[in-house]
Amino acid sequence: MIQGWLIKMTPEMGAKTKEKVIDLLFFVKKSLQMEGFLHR
């Protein structure tokens, strides 16, 4: 039931979700780099 809902939502939400995930990963990467600079 949940899988079917996900498959239905994927075409509409896929692009937006992908963008959010990429933004989140970029933010995390940036934060980790900042932490690295602070600890040096």
C-alpha atoms as a PDB file:
ATOM      1  CA  MET A   1       0.000   0.000   0.000  1.00  0.00           C
ATOM      2  CA  ILE A   2       2.750   2.453   0.957  1.00  0.00           C
ATOM      3  CA  GLN A   3       4.869   1.355  -2.039  1.00  0.00           C
ATOM      4  CA  GLY A   4       1.997   2.069  -4.429  1.00  0.00           C
ATOM      5  CA  TRP A   5       1.576   5.528  -2.884  1.00  0.00           C
ATOM      6  CA  LEU A   6       5.323   6.180  -3.212  1.00  0.00           C
ATOM      7  CA  ILE A   7       5.300   5.074  -6.863  1.00  0.00           C
ATOM      8  CA  LYS A   8       2.390   7.452  -7.525  1.00  0.00           C
ATOM      9  CA  MET A   9       4.120  10.322  -5.734  1.00  0.00           C
ATOM     10  CA  THR A  10       7.575   9.750  -7.252  1.00  0.00           C
ATOM     11  CA  PRO A  11       7.024  11.485 -10.632  1.00  0.00           C
ATOM     12  CA  GLU A  12       5.627  14.601  -8.931  1.00  0.00           C
ATOM     13  CA  MET A  13       7.777  14.692  -5.805  1.00  0.00           C
ATOM     14  CA  GLY A  14      10.944  13.029  -7.121  1.00  0.00           C
ATOM     15  CA  ALA A  15      12.479  16.192  -8.544  1.00  0.00           C
ATOM     16  CA  LYS A  16      11.695  18.324  -5.480  1.00  0.00           C
ATOM     17  CA  THR A  17      12.887  15.624  -3.077  1.00  0.00           C
ATOM     18  CA  LYS A  18      16.092  15.182  -5.075  1.00  0.00           C
ATOM     19  CA  GLU A  19      16.758  18.931  -4.879  1.00  0.00           C
ATOM     20  CA  LYS A  20      16.135  18.934  -1.121  1.00  0.00           C
ATOM     21  CA  VAL A  21      18.466  15.960  -0.602  1.00  0.00           C
ATOM     22  CA  ILE A  22      21.208  17.587  -2.695  1.00  0.00           C
ATOM     23  CA  ASP A  23      20.796  20.865  -0.772  1.00  0.00           C
ATOM     24  CA  LEU A  24      20.924  18.961   2.523  1.00  0.00           C
ATOM     25  CA  LEU A  25      24.059  17.037   1.525  1.00  0.00           C
ATOM     26  CA  PHE A  26      25.702  20.270   0.342  1.00  0.00           C
ATOM     27  CA  PHE A  27      24.801  21.960   3.638  1.00  0.00           C
ATOM     28  CA  VAL A  28      26.168  19.040   5.676  1.00  0.00           C
ATOM     29  CA  LYS A  29      29.358  18.979   3.604  1.00  0.00           C
ATOM     30  CA  LYS A  30      29.766  22.730   4.066  1.00  0.00           C
ATOM     31  CA  SER A  31      29.161  22.412   7.814  1.00  0.00           C
ATOM     32  CA  LEU A  32      31.723  19.617   8.117  1.00  0.00           C
ATOM     33  CA  GLN A  33      34.263  21.718   6.205  1.00  0.00           C
ATOM     34  CA  MET A  34      33.602  24.633   8.580  1.00  0.00           C
ATOM     35  CA  GLU A  35      34.082  22.310  11.564  1.00  0.00           C
ATOM     36  CA  GLY A  36      37.350  21.100  10.026  1.00  0.00           C
ATOM     37  CA  PHE A  37      38.608  24.656   9.587  1.00  0.00           C
ATOM     38  CA  LEU A  38      37.639  25.572  13.155  1.00  0.00           C
ATOM     39  CA  HIS A  39      39.466  22.573  14.624  1.00  0.00           C
ATOM     40  CA  ARG A  40      42.687  23.173  12.696  1.00  0.00           C
END
